[in-house]
């Protein structure tokens, strides 16, 4: 295949625009960003102007860290914010009665079966007992537990 001499940008320029916007928002000079990311200032300029749009993942990660972003944010991907689940009052009361820690209670609050959650004390208790039983059964069946 013949090699092309066309030096047009290979993408839509959005990566470079995001880098430039974030760098300027942070008040960084291109050379400061380059130093923090371990690349040359000319490379940062090429990225920002769209003449180099395919940096390695290592470079993207270094730039993202230097800009205080995740690599996904630098690529323009939406960032999902995980909010803690709302804990139903019945589950909160049961968790208190059983002495469940906050992490376990939040995990339970995230359980939905066919789009629904248990609504009663007994429904939540059944879920908790089923999970405990599955965990104990898994531990008892594992080779580590059998040999230990």
Protein backbone atom coordinates (compact mmCIF):
# COMPACT_ATOMS: atom_id res chain seq x y z
CA UNK A 1 0.00 0.00 0.00
CA UNK A 2 1.38 3.40 -0.94
CA UNK A 3 2.20 5.76 1.86
CA UNK A 4 0.33 9.03 1.76
CA UNK A 5 2.01 12.39 2.22
CA UNK A 6 -1.23 14.10 3.21
CA UNK A 7 -0.64 15.63 6.63
CA UNK A 8 -4.25 16.43 7.42
CA UNK A 9 -5.50 15.76 10.93
CA UNK A 10 -6.55 12.16 11.44
CA UNK A 11 -9.44 12.90 13.78
CA UNK A 12 -11.96 15.57 14.58
CA UNK A 13 -9.67 17.71 16.75
CA UNK A 14 -11.76 17.27 19.86
CA UNK A 15 -9.02 15.63 21.94
CA UNK A 16 -6.71 18.58 21.34
CA UNK A 17 -9.50 21.04 22.07
CA UNK A 18 -10.25 19.31 25.38
CA UNK A 19 -6.56 19.34 26.31
CA UNK A 20 -6.25 23.04 25.47
CA UNK A 21 -9.46 24.02 27.31
CA UNK A 22 -8.49 22.15 30.46
CA UNK A 23 -4.88 23.38 30.37
CA UNK A 24 -6.05 26.98 30.08
CA UNK A 25 -8.71 26.52 32.77
CA UNK A 26 -5.94 25.34 35.10
CA UNK A 27 -3.73 28.28 34.10
CA UNK A 28 -0.98 26.02 32.79
CA UNK A 29 1.42 26.91 30.01
CA UNK A 30 1.89 24.21 27.37
CA UNK A 31 5.47 23.68 28.55
CA UNK A 32 4.24 23.12 32.13
CA UNK A 33 1.73 20.51 30.97
CA UNK A 34 4.40 18.88 28.81
CA UNK A 35 6.82 18.70 31.73
CA UNK A 36 4.15 17.23 34.05
CA UNK A 37 3.14 14.63 31.46
CA UNK A 38 6.67 13.75 30.40
CA UNK A 39 6.27 14.80 26.78
CA UNK A 40 7.74 17.62 24.73
CA UNK A 41 6.04 21.02 24.46
CA UNK A 42 5.92 20.57 20.68
CA UNK A 43 3.99 17.31 21.15
CA UNK A 44 1.42 19.11 23.34
CA UNK A 45 1.15 21.79 20.63
CA UNK A 46 0.65 19.13 17.93
CA UNK A 47 -2.10 17.51 19.99
CA UNK A 48 -3.82 20.82 20.66
CA UNK A 49 -3.69 21.86 17.01
CA UNK A 50 -4.95 18.51 15.72
CA UNK A 51 -1.88 17.50 13.75
CA UNK A 52 -1.26 14.61 16.13
CA UNK A 53 -4.42 12.95 17.36
CA UNK A 54 -3.37 9.41 18.14
CA UNK A 55 -1.23 9.52 21.24
CA UNK A 56 -0.46 6.27 22.99
CA UNK A 57 -2.60 5.28 25.95
CA UNK A 58 0.39 5.93 28.22
CA UNK A 59 0.60 9.51 26.95
CA UNK A 60 -3.16 9.99 27.31
CA UNK A 61 -2.96 8.73 30.87
CA UNK A 62 -0.02 11.00 31.70
CA UNK A 63 -1.81 14.02 30.21
CA UNK A 64 -5.01 13.16 32.03
CA UNK A 65 -3.19 12.89 35.37
CA UNK A 66 -1.40 16.18 34.74
CA UNK A 67 -4.75 17.81 33.94
CA UNK A 68 -6.53 16.26 36.93
CA UNK A 69 -8.85 14.17 34.75
CA UNK A 70 -9.45 10.51 34.05
CA UNK A 71 -8.42 9.17 30.64
CA UNK A 72 -12.12 8.70 29.82
CA UNK A 73 -12.82 12.36 30.59
CA UNK A 74 -9.93 13.42 28.40
CA UNK A 75 -11.41 11.36 25.55
CA UNK A 76 -14.74 13.13 26.17
CA UNK A 77 -16.57 10.15 27.58
CA UNK A 78 -19.37 10.94 30.01
CA UNK A 79 -18.39 10.25 33.58
CA UNK A 80 -20.86 8.25 35.59
CA UNK A 81 -21.30 9.41 39.13
CA UNK A 82 -22.25 6.58 41.42
CA UNK A 83 -24.64 7.80 44.04
CA UNK A 84 -25.15 5.66 47.09
CA UNK A 85 -28.43 3.78 46.85
CA UNK A 86 -31.37 4.97 48.89
CA UNK A 87 -31.80 2.58 51.77
CA UNK A 88 -35.43 1.57 52.27
CA UNK A 89 -36.58 2.17 55.87
CA UNK A 90 -37.48 -1.52 56.35
CA UNK A 91 -33.97 -2.53 55.29
CA UNK A 92 -32.38 0.15 57.50
CA UNK A 93 -34.27 -1.17 60.53
CA UNK A 94 -33.34 -4.77 59.75
CA UNK A 95 -29.70 -3.81 59.21
CA UNK A 96 -29.69 -2.17 62.62
CA UNK A 97 -31.28 -5.24 64.23
CA UNK A 98 -28.72 -7.57 62.60
CA UNK A 99 -25.74 -5.25 63.13
CA UNK A 100 -24.94 -5.03 59.40
CA UNK A 101 -22.22 -2.58 58.43
CA UNK A 102 -22.92 0.36 56.11
CA UNK A 103 -21.17 -1.25 53.14
CA UNK A 104 -23.29 -4.39 53.34
CA UNK A 105 -26.46 -2.36 53.83
CA UNK A 106 -25.67 -0.24 50.74
CA UNK A 107 -24.97 -3.38 48.72
CA UNK A 108 -28.33 -4.82 49.76
CA UNK A 109 -30.11 -1.55 48.92
CA UNK A 110 -28.79 -1.87 45.37
CA UNK A 111 -30.52 -5.21 44.83
CA UNK A 112 -33.45 -5.16 42.44
CA UNK A 113 -35.04 -8.32 41.10
CA UNK A 114 -37.16 -7.78 38.00
CA UNK A 115 -37.00 -4.07 38.75
CA UNK A 116 -38.36 -4.46 42.27
CA UNK A 117 -37.05 -4.67 45.82
CA UNK A 118 -38.46 -6.51 48.80
CA UNK A 119 -40.93 -4.39 50.75
CA UNK A 120 -41.14 -6.31 53.98
CA UNK A 121 -38.87 -7.28 56.86
CA UNK A 122 -39.22 -10.94 55.89
CA UNK A 123 -38.45 -10.24 52.22
CA UNK A 124 -35.18 -8.49 53.08
CA UNK A 125 -34.33 -11.16 55.64
CA UNK A 126 -34.79 -13.85 53.01
CA UNK A 127 -32.37 -12.01 50.68
CA UNK A 128 -29.78 -11.62 53.46
CA UNK A 129 -30.05 -15.27 54.48
CA UNK A 130 -29.78 -16.42 50.85
CA UNK A 131 -26.63 -14.36 50.33
CA UNK A 132 -25.09 -15.59 53.58
CA UNK A 133 -25.94 -19.17 52.67
CA UNK A 134 -24.41 -18.77 49.20
CA UNK A 135 -21.24 -17.26 50.69
CA UNK A 136 -20.89 -20.01 53.30
CA UNK A 137 -21.58 -22.70 50.68
CA UNK A 138 -18.97 -21.15 48.35
CA UNK A 139 -16.41 -21.01 51.15
CA UNK A 140 -17.06 -24.60 52.24
CA UNK A 141 -16.76 -25.86 48.65
CA UNK A 142 -13.57 -24.01 47.83
CA UNK A 143 -10.31 -26.02 47.75
CA UNK A 144 -8.69 -23.51 50.09
CA UNK A 145 -11.38 -24.01 52.73
CA UNK A 146 -11.24 -27.79 52.31
CA UNK A 147 -7.46 -27.96 52.75
CA UNK A 148 -7.25 -25.31 55.46
